[in-house]
């Protein structure tokens, strides 16, 4: 591993008073000029809360291959459901097999 960079936690607020987002994750530099990026983003809006968990591999030239992009099909209707969906996204990230990438 070449290094590790934190991508958060980061809160972003828009000019719209009922919209904000939270992002957290890590970028791990691997041998062979590859970087694996793990990110979790939660967008809070009046219309609902959207979650996205993603894992991708990038090279030094900016080429990206998405390995995982997951979130709920619908907005979680409650805080408890939001916690469940975040847990589900993180569980899918944890079970992702990166053995082909690390070689």
PDB file of N, CA and C in Angstrom:
ATOM      1  N   UNK A   1       0.845  -1.168   0.000  1.00  0.00           N
ATOM      2  CA  UNK A   1       0.000   0.000   0.000  1.00  0.00           C
ATOM      3  C   UNK A   1       0.890   1.232   0.000  1.00  0.00           C
ATOM      4  N   UNK A   2       0.586   2.196  -0.890  1.00  0.00           N
ATOM      5  CA  UNK A   2       1.367   3.421  -1.000  1.00  0.00           C
ATOM      6  C   UNK A   2       0.970   4.467   0.035  1.00  0.00           C
ATOM      7  N   UNK A   3      -0.266   4.489   0.432  1.00  0.00           N
ATOM      8  CA  UNK A   3      -0.711   5.502   1.387  1.00  0.00           C
ATOM      9  C   UNK A   3      -2.210   5.467   1.562  1.00  0.00           C
ATOM     10  N   UNK A   4      -2.664   6.324   2.475  1.00  0.00           N
ATOM     11  CA  UNK A   4      -4.082   6.377   2.811  1.00  0.00           C
ATOM     12  C   UNK A   4      -4.469   7.836   3.009  1.00  0.00           C
ATOM     13  N   UNK A   5      -5.598   8.220   2.434  1.00  0.00           N
ATOM     14  CA  UNK A   5      -6.081   9.590   2.563  1.00  0.00           C
ATOM     15  C   UNK A   5      -7.540   9.564   2.993  1.00  0.00           C
ATOM     16  N   UNK A   6      -7.856  10.349   3.998  1.00  0.00           N
ATOM     17  CA  UNK A   6      -9.231  10.430   4.472  1.00  0.00           C
ATOM     18  C   UNK A   6     -10.043  11.352   3.565  1.00  0.00           C
ATOM     19  N   UNK A   7     -11.274  10.965   3.282  1.00  0.00           N
ATOM     20  CA  UNK A   7     -12.169  11.777   2.459  1.00  0.00           C
ATOM     21  C   UNK A   7     -13.245  12.466   3.287  1.00  0.00           C
ATOM     22  N   UNK A   8     -13.091  12.441   4.563  1.00  0.00           N
ATOM     23  CA  UNK A   8     -14.114  13.058   5.404  1.00  0.00           C
ATOM     24  C   UNK A   8     -13.789  12.836   6.855  1.00  0.00           C
ATOM     25  N   UNK A   9     -14.695  13.086   7.714  1.00  0.00           N
ATOM     26  CA  UNK A   9     -16.078  13.440   7.411  1.00  0.00           C
ATOM     27  C   UNK A   9     -16.193  14.872   6.889  1.00  0.00           C
ATOM     28  N   UNK A  10     -17.137  15.053   5.987  1.00  0.00           N
ATOM     29  CA  UNK A  10     -17.342  16.346   5.353  1.00  0.00           C
ATOM     30  C   UNK A  10     -18.837  16.636   5.260  1.00  0.00           C
ATOM     31  N   UNK A  11     -19.240  17.745   5.827  1.00  0.00           N
ATOM     32  CA  UNK A  11     -20.615  18.223   5.705  1.00  0.00           C
ATOM     33  C   UNK A  11     -20.639  19.323   4.666  1.00  0.00           C
ATOM     34  N   UNK A  12     -21.621  19.295   3.764  1.00  0.00           N
ATOM     35  CA  UNK A  12     -21.799  20.355   2.778  1.00  0.00           C
ATOM     36  C   UNK A  12     -23.239  20.844   2.851  1.00  0.00           C
ATOM     37  N   UNK A  13     -23.380  22.145   2.846  1.00  0.00           N
ATOM     38  CA  UNK A  13     -24.706  22.752   2.907  1.00  0.00           C
ATOM     39  C   UNK A  13     -24.939  23.545   1.638  1.00  0.00           C
ATOM     40  N   UNK A  14     -26.152  23.479   1.110  1.00  0.00           N
ATOM     41  CA  UNK A  14     -26.468  24.225  -0.102  1.00  0.00           C
ATOM     42  C   UNK A  14     -27.151  25.534   0.266  1.00  0.00           C
ATOM     43  N   UNK A  15     -27.407  26.339  -0.744  1.00  0.00           N
ATOM     44  CA  UNK A  15     -28.154  27.580  -0.525  1.00  0.00           C
ATOM     45  C   UNK A  15     -29.606  27.288  -0.172  1.00  0.00           C
ATOM     46  N   UNK A  16     -30.062  26.101  -0.543  1.00  0.00           N
ATOM     47  CA  UNK A  16     -31.407  25.669  -0.195  1.00  0.00           C
ATOM     48  C   UNK A  16     -31.397  25.286   1.290  1.00  0.00           C
ATOM     49  N   UNK A  17     -32.219  25.905   2.136  1.00  0.00           N
ATOM     50  CA  UNK A  17     -32.134  25.651   3.582  1.00  0.00           C
ATOM     51  C   UNK A  17     -32.480  24.230   4.013  1.00  0.00           C
ATOM     52  N   UNK A  18     -33.154  23.459   3.157  1.00  0.00           N
ATOM     53  CA  UNK A  18     -33.504  22.104   3.572  1.00  0.00           C
ATOM     54  C   UNK A  18     -32.733  21.048   2.764  1.00  0.00           C
ATOM     55  N   UNK A  19     -31.445  21.344   2.503  1.00  0.00           N
ATOM     56  CA  UNK A  19     -30.612  20.378   1.797  1.00  0.00           C
ATOM     57  C   UNK A  19     -29.186  20.418   2.347  1.00  0.00           C
ATOM     58  N   UNK A  20     -28.662  19.233   2.668  1.00  0.00           N
ATOM     59  CA  UNK A  20     -27.293  19.104   3.157  1.00  0.00           C
ATOM     60  C   UNK A  20     -26.805  17.708   2.800  1.00  0.00           C
ATOM     61  N   UNK A  21     -25.492  17.531   2.794  1.00  0.00           N
ATOM     62  CA  UNK A  21     -24.962  16.190   2.539  1.00  0.00           C
ATOM     63  C   UNK A  21     -23.771  15.919   3.445  1.00  0.00           C
ATOM     64  N   UNK A  22     -23.577  14.647   3.716  1.00  0.00           N
ATOM     65  CA  UNK A  22     -22.482  14.166   4.551  1.00  0.00           C
ATOM     66  C   UNK A  22     -21.716  13.127   3.750  1.00  0.00           C
ATOM     67  N   UNK A  23     -20.399  13.250   3.688  1.00  0.00           N
ATOM     68  CA  UNK A  23     -19.563  12.291   2.969  1.00  0.00           C
ATOM     69  C   UNK A  23     -18.421  11.854   3.864  1.00  0.00           C
ATOM     70  N   UNK A  24     -18.118  10.576   3.810  1.00  0.00           N
ATOM     71  CA  UNK A  24     -16.972  10.041   4.537  1.00  0.00           C
ATOM     72  C   UNK A  24     -16.396   8.902   3.712  1.00  0.00           C
ATOM     73  N   UNK A  25     -15.120   8.637   3.899  1.00  0.00           N
ATOM     74  CA  UNK A  25     -14.502   7.537   3.176  1.00  0.00           C
ATOM     75  C   UNK A  25     -12.993   7.614   3.234  1.00  0.00           C
ATOM     76  N   UNK A  26     -12.368   6.735   2.466  1.00  0.00           N
ATOM     77  CA  UNK A  26     -10.908   6.672   2.405  1.00  0.00           C
ATOM     78  C   UNK A  26     -10.469   6.351   0.996  1.00  0.00           C
ATOM     79  N   UNK A  27      -9.314   6.875   0.636  1.00  0.00           N
ATOM     80  CA  UNK A  27      -8.646   6.515  -0.604  1.00  0.00           C
ATOM     81  C   UNK A  27      -7.363   5.789  -0.217  1.00  0.00           C
ATOM     82  N   UNK A  28      -7.216   4.558  -0.696  1.00  0.00           N
ATOM     83  CA  UNK A  28      -6.051   3.743  -0.377  1.00  0.00           C
ATOM     84  C   UNK A  28      -5.194   3.585  -1.623  1.00  0.00           C
ATOM     85  N   UNK A  29      -3.965   4.077  -1.550  1.00  0.00           N
ATOM     86  CA  UNK A  29      -3.041   3.952  -2.669  1.00  0.00           C
ATOM     87  C   UNK A  29      -2.402   2.582  -2.672  1.00  0.00           C
ATOM     88  N   UNK A  30      -2.525   1.870  -3.797  1.00  0.00           N
ATOM     89  CA  UNK A  30      -1.968   0.532  -3.934  1.00  0.00           C
ATOM     90  C   UNK A  30      -0.736   0.571  -4.836  1.00  0.00           C
ATOM     91  N   UNK A  31       0.002  -0.504  -4.839  1.00  0.00           N
ATOM     92  CA  UNK A  31       1.138  -0.623  -5.750  1.00  0.00           C
ATOM     93  C   UNK A  31       0.629  -0.598  -7.185  1.00  0.00           C
ATOM     94  N   UNK A  32       1.468  -0.185  -8.098  1.00  0.00           N
ATOM     95  CA  UNK A  32       1.062  -0.154  -9.494  1.00  0.00           C
ATOM     96  C   UNK A  32       0.221   1.050  -9.852  1.00  0.00           C
ATOM     97  N   UNK A  33       0.334   2.120  -9.107  1.00  0.00           N
ATOM     98  CA  UNK A  33      -0.351   3.399  -9.345  1.00  0.00           C
ATOM     99  C   UNK A  33      -1.876   3.296  -9.338  1.00  0.00           C
ATOM    100  N   UNK A  34      -2.422   2.344  -8.590  1.00  0.00           N
ATOM    101  CA  UNK A  34      -3.869   2.235  -8.442  1.00  0.00           C
ATOM    102  C   UNK A  34      -4.302   2.778  -7.085  1.00  0.00           C
ATOM    103  N   UNK A  35      -5.477   3.357  -7.042  1.00  0.00           N
ATOM    104  CA  UNK A  35      -6.063   3.852  -5.801  1.00  0.00           C
ATOM    105  C   UNK A  35      -7.473   3.294  -5.680  1.00  0.00           C
ATOM    106  N   UNK A  36      -7.783   2.708  -4.527  1.00  0.00           N
ATOM    107  CA  UNK A  36      -9.138   2.231  -4.251  1.00  0.00           C
ATOM    108  C   UNK A  36      -9.813   3.288  -3.378  1.00  0.00           C
ATOM    109  N   UNK A  37     -10.986   3.734  -3.805  1.00  0.00           N
ATOM    110  CA  UNK A  37     -11.728   4.768  -3.082  1.00  0.00           C
ATOM    111  C   UNK A  37     -13.002   4.153  -2.514  1.00  0.00           C
ATOM    112  N   UNK A  38     -13.147   4.256  -1.187  1.00  0.00           N
ATOM    113  CA  UNK A  38     -14.347   3.807  -0.478  1.00  0.00           C
ATOM    114  C   UNK A  38     -15.056   5.071  -0.003  1.00  0.00           C
ATOM    115  N   UNK A  39     -16.320   5.253  -0.368  1.00  0.00           N
ATOM    116  CA  UNK A  39     -17.035   6.468   0.027  1.00  0.00           C
ATOM    117  C   UNK A  39     -18.476   6.157   0.410  1.00  0.00           C
ATOM    118  N   UNK A  40     -18.952   6.848   1.411  1.00  0.00           N
ATOM    119  CA  UNK A  40     -20.349   6.784   1.831  1.00  0.00           C
ATOM    120  C   UNK A  40     -20.873   8.211   1.846  1.00  0.00           C
ATOM    121  N   UNK A  41     -21.951   8.439   1.143  1.00  0.00           N
ATOM    122  CA  UNK A  41     -22.529   9.766   1.061  1.00  0.00           C
ATOM    123  C   UNK A  41     -24.005   9.704   1.438  1.00  0.00           C
ATOM    124  N   UNK A  42     -24.423  10.630   2.273  1.00  0.00           N
ATOM    125  CA  UNK A  42     -25.830  10.726   2.675  1.00  0.00           C
ATOM    126  C   UNK A  42     -26.300  12.138   2.354  1.00  0.00           C
ATOM    127  N   UNK A  43     -27.332  12.253   1.511  1.00  0.00           N
ATOM    128  CA  UNK A  43     -27.898  13.552   1.152  1.00  0.00           C
ATOM    129  C   UNK A  43     -29.236  13.720   1.859  1.00  0.00           C
ATOM    130  N   UNK A  44     -29.360  14.812   2.577  1.00  0.00           N
ATOM    131  CA  UNK A  44     -30.578  15.112   3.319  1.00  0.00           C
ATOM    132  C   UNK A  44     -31.333  16.214   2.577  1.00  0.00           C
ATOM    133  N   UNK A  45     -32.568  15.929   2.178  1.00  0.00           N
ATOM    134  CA  UNK A  45     -33.402  16.917   1.499  1.00  0.00           C
ATOM    135  C   UNK A  45     -34.814  16.844   2.071  1.00  0.00           C
ATOM    136  N   UNK A  46     -35.582  17.883   1.851  1.00  0.00           N
ATOM    137  CA  UNK A  46     -36.965  17.884   2.327  1.00  0.00           C
ATOM    138  C   UNK A  46     -37.750  16.735   1.698  1.00  0.00           C
ATOM    139  N   UNK A  47     -37.400  16.361   0.460  1.00  0.00           N
ATOM    140  CA  UNK A  47     -38.132  15.298  -0.226  1.00  0.00           C
ATOM    141  C   UNK A  47     -37.748  13.906   0.264  1.00  0.00           C
ATOM    142  N   UNK A  48     -36.624  13.779   0.976  1.00  0.00           N
ATOM    143  CA  UNK A  48     -36.189  12.488   1.488  1.00  0.00           C
ATOM    144  C   UNK A  48     -34.684  12.421   1.639  1.00  0.00           C
ATOM    145  N   UNK A  49     -34.222  11.334   2.181  1.00  0.00           N
ATOM    146  CA  UNK A  49     -32.802  11.130   2.427  1.00  0.00           C
ATOM    147  C   UNK A  49     -32.285  10.080   1.458  1.00  0.00           C
ATOM    148  N   UNK A  50     -31.195  10.385   0.776  1.00  0.00           N
ATOM    149  CA  UNK A  50     -30.622   9.472  -0.199  1.00  0.00           C
ATOM    150  C   UNK A  50     -29.259   9.012   0.296  1.00  0.00           C
ATOM    151  N   UNK A  51     -28.964   7.734   0.114  1.00  0.00           N
ATOM    152  CA  UNK A  51     -27.702   7.155   0.573  1.00  0.00           C
ATOM    153  C   UNK A  51     -26.998   6.532  -0.622  1.00  0.00           C
ATOM    154  N   UNK A  52     -25.689   6.702  -0.680  1.00  0.00           N
ATOM    155  CA  UNK A  52     -24.905   6.037  -1.711  1.00  0.00           C
ATOM    156  C   UNK A  52     -23.602   5.554  -1.109  1.00  0.00           C
ATOM    157  N   UNK A  53     -23.345   4.266  -1.248  1.00  0.00           N
ATOM    158  CA  UNK A  53     -22.057   3.697  -0.865  1.00  0.00           C
ATOM    159  C   UNK A  53     -21.377   3.281  -2.153  1.00  0.00           C
ATOM    160  N   UNK A  54     -20.119   3.664  -2.307  1.00  0.00           N
ATOM    161  CA  UNK A  54     -19.427   3.346  -3.540  1.00  0.00           C
ATOM    162  C   UNK A  54     -17.990   2.932  -3.311  1.00  0.00           C
ATOM    163  N   UNK A  55     -17.520   2.060  -4.194  1.00  0.00           N
ATOM    164  CA  UNK A  55     -16.124   1.651  -4.204  1.00  0.00           C
ATOM    165  C   UNK A  55     -15.680   1.685  -5.658  1.00  0.00           C
ATOM    166  N   UNK A  56     -14.562   2.342  -5.902  1.00  0.00           N
ATOM    167  CA  UNK A  56     -14.031   2.368  -7.263  1.00  0.00           C
ATOM    168  C   UNK A  56     -12.508   2.294  -7.219  1.00  0.00           C
ATOM    169  N   UNK A  57     -11.934   1.946  -8.360  1.00  0.00           N
ATOM    170  CA  UNK A  57     -10.488   1.890  -8.518  1.00  0.00           C
ATOM    171  C   UNK A  57     -10.111   2.932  -9.550  1.00  0.00           C
ATOM    172  N   UNK A  58      -9.099   3.731  -9.228  1.00  0.00           N
ATOM    173  CA  UNK A  58      -8.619   4.764 -10.146  1.00  0.00           C
ATOM    174  C   UNK A  58      -7.141   4.552 -10.421  1.00  0.00           C
ATOM    175  N   UNK A  59      -6.709   4.920 -11.641  1.00  0.00           N
ATOM    176  CA  UNK A  59      -5.279   4.911 -11.915  1.00  0.00           C
ATOM    177  C   UNK A  59      -4.779   6.348 -11.979  1.00  0.00           C
ATOM    178  N   UNK A  60      -3.477   6.520 -12.138  1.00  0.00           N
ATOM    179  CA  UNK A  60      -2.891   7.867 -12.126  1.00  0.00           C
ATOM    180  C   UNK A  60      -3.338   8.727 -13.302  1.00  0.00           C
ATOM    181  N   UNK A  61      -3.883   8.104 -14.353  1.00  0.00           N
ATOM    182  CA  UNK A  61      -4.342   8.858 -15.523  1.00  0.00           C
ATOM    183  C   UNK A  61      -5.795   9.288 -15.405  1.00  0.00           C
ATOM    184  N   UNK A  62      -6.425   8.947 -14.286  1.00  0.00           N
ATOM    185  CA  UNK A  62      -7.809   9.353 -14.059  1.00  0.00           C
ATOM    186  C   UNK A  62      -8.848   8.357 -14.536  1.00  0.00           C
ATOM    187  N   UNK A  63      -8.426   7.204 -15.042  1.00  0.00           N
ATOM    188  CA  UNK A  63      -9.376   6.169 -15.444  1.00  0.00           C
ATOM    189  C   UNK A  63      -9.979   5.540 -14.190  1.00  0.00           C
ATOM    190  N   UNK A  64     -11.282   5.343 -14.196  1.00  0.00           N
ATOM    191  CA  UNK A  64     -11.990   4.826 -13.025  1.00  0.00           C
ATOM    192  C   UNK A  64     -12.834   3.618 -13.404  1.00  0.00           C
ATOM    193  N   UNK A  65     -12.815   2.617 -12.531  1.00  0.00           N
ATOM    194  CA  UNK A  65     -13.702   1.470 -12.685  1.00  0.00           C
ATOM    195  C   UNK A  65     -14.507   1.322 -11.404  1.00  0.00           C
ATOM    196  N   UNK A  66     -15.812   1.373 -11.553  1.00  0.00           N
ATOM    197  CA  UNK A  66     -16.706   1.262 -10.398  1.00  0.00           C
ATOM    198  C   UNK A  66     -16.862  -0.207 -10.022  1.00  0.00           C
ATOM    199  N   UNK A  67     -16.615  -0.518  -8.757  1.00  0.00           N
ATOM    200  CA  UNK A  67     -16.764  -1.879  -8.261  1.00  0.00           C
ATOM    201  C   UNK A  67     -18.067  -2.077  -7.511  1.00  0.00           C
ATOM    202  N   UNK A  68     -18.557  -1.006  -6.882  1.00  0.00           N
ATOM    203  CA  UNK A  68     -19.796  -1.079  -6.117  1.00  0.00           C
ATOM    204  C   UNK A  68     -20.426   0.300  -6.065  1.00  0.00           C
ATOM    205  N   UNK A  69     -21.709   0.350  -6.320  1.00  0.00           N
ATOM    206  CA  UNK A  69     -22.487   1.569  -6.134  1.00  0.00           C
ATOM    207  C   UNK A  69     -23.849   1.109  -5.666  1.00  0.00           C
ATOM    208  N   UNK A  70     -24.145   1.359  -4.414  1.00  0.00           N
ATOM    209  CA  UNK A  70     -25.378   0.827  -3.843  1.00  0.00           C
ATOM    210  C   UNK A  70     -26.063   1.834  -2.937  1.00  0.00           C
ATOM    211  N   UNK A  71     -27.342   1.731  -2.871  1.00  0.00           N
ATOM    212  CA  UNK A  71     -28.166   2.548  -1.993  1.00  0.00           C
ATOM    213  C   UNK A  71     -29.566   1.971  -1.994  1.00  0.00           C
ATOM    214  N   UNK A  72     -30.454   2.502  -1.187  1.00  0.00           N
ATOM    215  CA  UNK A  72     -31.820   1.978  -1.148  1.00  0.00           C
ATOM    216  C   UNK A  72     -32.594   2.349  -2.415  1.00  0.00           C
ATOM    217  N   UNK A  73     -33.589   1.542  -2.733  1.00  0.00           N
ATOM    218  CA  UNK A  73     -34.433   1.827  -3.895  1.00  0.00           C
ATOM    219  C   UNK A  73     -35.308   3.064  -3.657  1.00  0.00           C
ATOM    220  N   UNK A  74     -35.693   3.278  -2.408  1.00  0.00           N
ATOM    221  CA  UNK A  74     -36.550   4.406  -2.055  1.00  0.00           C
ATOM    222  C   UNK A  74     -35.959   5.130  -0.852  1.00  0.00           C
ATOM    223  N   UNK A  75     -36.386   6.352  -0.622  1.00  0.00           N
ATOM    224  CA  UNK A  75     -35.925   7.121   0.529  1.00  0.00           C
ATOM    225  C   UNK A  75     -36.330   6.406   1.816  1.00  0.00           C
ATOM    226  N   UNK A  76     -35.413   6.236   2.769  1.00  0.00           N
ATOM    227  CA  UNK A  76     -35.802   5.675   4.074  1.00  0.00           C
ATOM    228  C   UNK A  76     -36.788   6.619   4.763  1.00  0.00           C
ATOM    229  N   UNK A  77     -37.940   6.110   5.202  1.00  0.00           N
ATOM    230  CA  UNK A  77     -38.970   6.982   5.767  1.00  0.00           C
ATOM    231  C   UNK A  77     -38.720   7.444   7.201  1.00  0.00           C
ATOM    232  N   UNK A  78     -37.757   6.827   7.896  1.00  0.00           N
ATOM    233  CA  UNK A  78     -37.527   7.213   9.289  1.00  0.00           C
ATOM    234  C   UNK A  78     -36.037   7.126   9.604  1.00  0.00           C
ATOM    235  N   UNK A  79     -35.672   7.672  10.755  1.00  0.00           N
ATOM    236  CA  UNK A  79     -34.271   7.613  11.187  1.00  0.00           C
ATOM    237  C   UNK A  79     -33.827   6.168  11.391  1.00  0.00           C
ATOM    238  N   UNK A  80     -34.714   5.340  11.923  1.00  0.00           N
ATOM    239  CA  UNK A  80     -34.368   3.932  12.131  1.00  0.00           C
ATOM    240  C   UNK A  80     -34.114   3.226  10.804  1.00  0.00           C
ATOM    241  N   UNK A  81     -34.945   3.518   9.806  1.00  0.00           N
ATOM    242  CA  UNK A  81     -34.757   2.924   8.483  1.00  0.00           C
ATOM    243  C   UNK A  81     -33.471   3.429   7.827  1.00  0.00           C
ATOM    244  N   UNK A  82     -33.126   4.690   8.073  1.00  0.00           N
ATOM    245  CA  UNK A  82     -31.874   5.249   7.552  1.00  0.00           C
ATOM    246  C   UNK A  82     -30.677   4.497   8.127  1.00  0.00           C
ATOM    247  N   UNK A  83     -30.718   4.218   9.417  1.00  0.00           N
ATOM    248  CA  UNK A  83     -29.634   3.469  10.063  1.00  0.00           C
ATOM    249  C   UNK A  83     -29.518   2.069   9.458  1.00  0.00           C
ATOM    250  N   UNK A  84     -30.638   1.429   9.222  1.00  0.00           N
ATOM    251  CA  UNK A  84     -30.639   0.093   8.622  1.00  0.00           C
ATOM    252  C   UNK A  84     -30.028   0.136   7.224  1.00  0.00           C
ATOM    253  N   UNK A  85     -30.411   1.119   6.423  1.00  0.00           N
ATOM    254  CA  UNK A  85     -29.900   1.225   5.058  1.00  0.00           C
ATOM    255  C   UNK A  85     -28.403   1.543   5.028  1.00  0.00           C
ATOM    256  N   UNK A  86     -27.937   2.410   5.922  1.00  0.00           N
ATOM    257  CA  UNK A  86     -26.502   2.694   6.000  1.00  0.00           C
ATOM    258  C   UNK A  86     -25.753   1.409   6.367  1.00  0.00           C
ATOM    259  N   UNK A  87     -26.275   0.669   7.323  1.00  0.00           N
ATOM    260  CA  UNK A  87     -25.660  -0.605   7.705  1.00  0.00           C
ATOM    261  C   UNK A  87     -25.614  -1.587   6.545  1.00  0.00           C
ATOM    262  N   UNK A  88     -26.683  -1.641   5.753  1.00  0.00           N
ATOM    263  CA  UNK A  88     -26.738  -2.529   4.599  1.00  0.00           C
ATOM    264  C   UNK A  88     -25.681  -2.138   3.560  1.00  0.00           C
ATOM    265  N   UNK A  89     -25.555  -0.844   3.312  1.00  0.00           N
ATOM    266  CA  UNK A  89     -24.553  -0.355   2.358  1.00  0.00           C
ATOM    267  C   UNK A  89     -23.139  -0.689   2.838  1.00  0.00           C
ATOM    268  N   UNK A  90     -22.877  -0.449   4.107  1.00  0.00           N
ATOM    269  CA  UNK A  90     -21.552  -0.745   4.654  1.00  0.00           C
ATOM    270  C   UNK A  90     -21.270  -2.241   4.629  1.00  0.00           C
ATOM    271  N   UNK A  91     -22.289  -3.051   4.873  1.00  0.00           N
ATOM    272  CA  UNK A  91     -22.111  -4.497   4.820  1.00  0.00           C
ATOM    273  C   UNK A  91     -21.734  -4.946   3.412  1.00  0.00           C
ATOM    274  N   UNK A  92     -22.364  -4.380   2.394  1.00  0.00           N
ATOM    275  CA  UNK A  92     -22.009  -4.734   1.008  1.00  0.00           C
ATOM    276  C   UNK A  92     -20.579  -4.295   0.690  1.00  0.00           C
ATOM    277  N   UNK A  93     -20.156  -3.156   1.233  1.00  0.00           N
ATOM    278  CA  UNK A  93     -18.777  -2.713   1.016  1.00  0.00           C
ATOM    279  C   UNK A  93     -17.808  -3.702   1.671  1.00  0.00           C
ATOM    280  N   UNK A  94     -18.152  -4.162   2.867  1.00  0.00           N
ATOM    281  CA  UNK A  94     -17.278  -5.069   3.605  1.00  0.00           C
ATOM    282  C   UNK A  94     -17.151  -6.416   2.902  1.00  0.00           C
ATOM    283  N   UNK A  95     -18.215  -6.884   2.267  1.00  0.00           N
ATOM    284  CA  UNK A  95     -18.193  -8.190   1.609  1.00  0.00           C
ATOM    285  C   UNK A  95     -17.613  -8.146   0.200  1.00  0.00           C
ATOM    286  N   UNK A  96     -17.293  -6.959  -0.303  1.00  0.00           N
ATOM    287  CA  UNK A  96     -16.739  -6.817  -1.647  1.00  0.00           C
ATOM    288  C   UNK A  96     -15.375  -7.497  -1.727  1.00  0.00           C
ATOM    289  N   UNK A  97     -15.189  -8.367  -2.707  1.00  0.00           N
ATOM    290  CA  UNK A  97     -13.937  -9.083  -2.890  1.00  0.00           C
ATOM    291  C   UNK A  97     -12.989  -8.245  -3.753  1.00  0.00           C
ATOM    292  N   UNK A  98     -11.936  -7.755  -3.132  1.00  0.00           N
ATOM    293  CA  UNK A  98     -10.961  -6.911  -3.846  1.00  0.00           C
ATOM    294  C   UNK A  98      -9.685  -7.686  -4.211  1.00  0.00           C
ATOM    295  N   UNK A  99      -9.720  -9.001  -4.135  1.00  0.00           N
ATOM    296  CA  UNK A  99      -8.503  -9.777  -4.386  1.00  0.00           C
ATOM    297  C   UNK A  99      -7.955  -9.558  -5.795  1.00  0.00           C
ATOM    298  N   UNK A 100      -8.808  -9.388  -6.799  1.00  0.00           N
ATOM    299  CA  UNK A 100      -8.323  -9.135  -8.152  1.00  0.00           C
ATOM    300  C   UNK A 100      -7.684  -7.756  -8.285  1.00  0.00           C
ATOM    301  N   UNK A 101      -8.142  -6.807  -7.517  1.00  0.00           N
ATOM    302  CA  UNK A 101      -7.605  -5.441  -7.589  1.00  0.00           C
ATOM    303  C   UNK A 101      -6.245  -5.354  -6.910  1.00  0.00           C
ATOM    304  N   UNK A 102      -6.095  -6.020  -5.797  1.00  0.00           N
ATOM    305  CA  UNK A 102      -4.887  -5.901  -4.978  1.00  0.00           C
ATOM    306  C   UNK A 102      -3.684  -6.609  -5.606  1.00  0.00           C
ATOM    307  N   UNK A 103      -3.928  -7.577  -6.450  1.00  0.00           N
ATOM    308  CA  UNK A 103      -2.825  -8.326  -7.080  1.00  0.00           C
ATOM    309  C   UNK A 103      -1.931  -7.467  -7.899  1.00  0.00           C
TER     310      UNK A 103
END
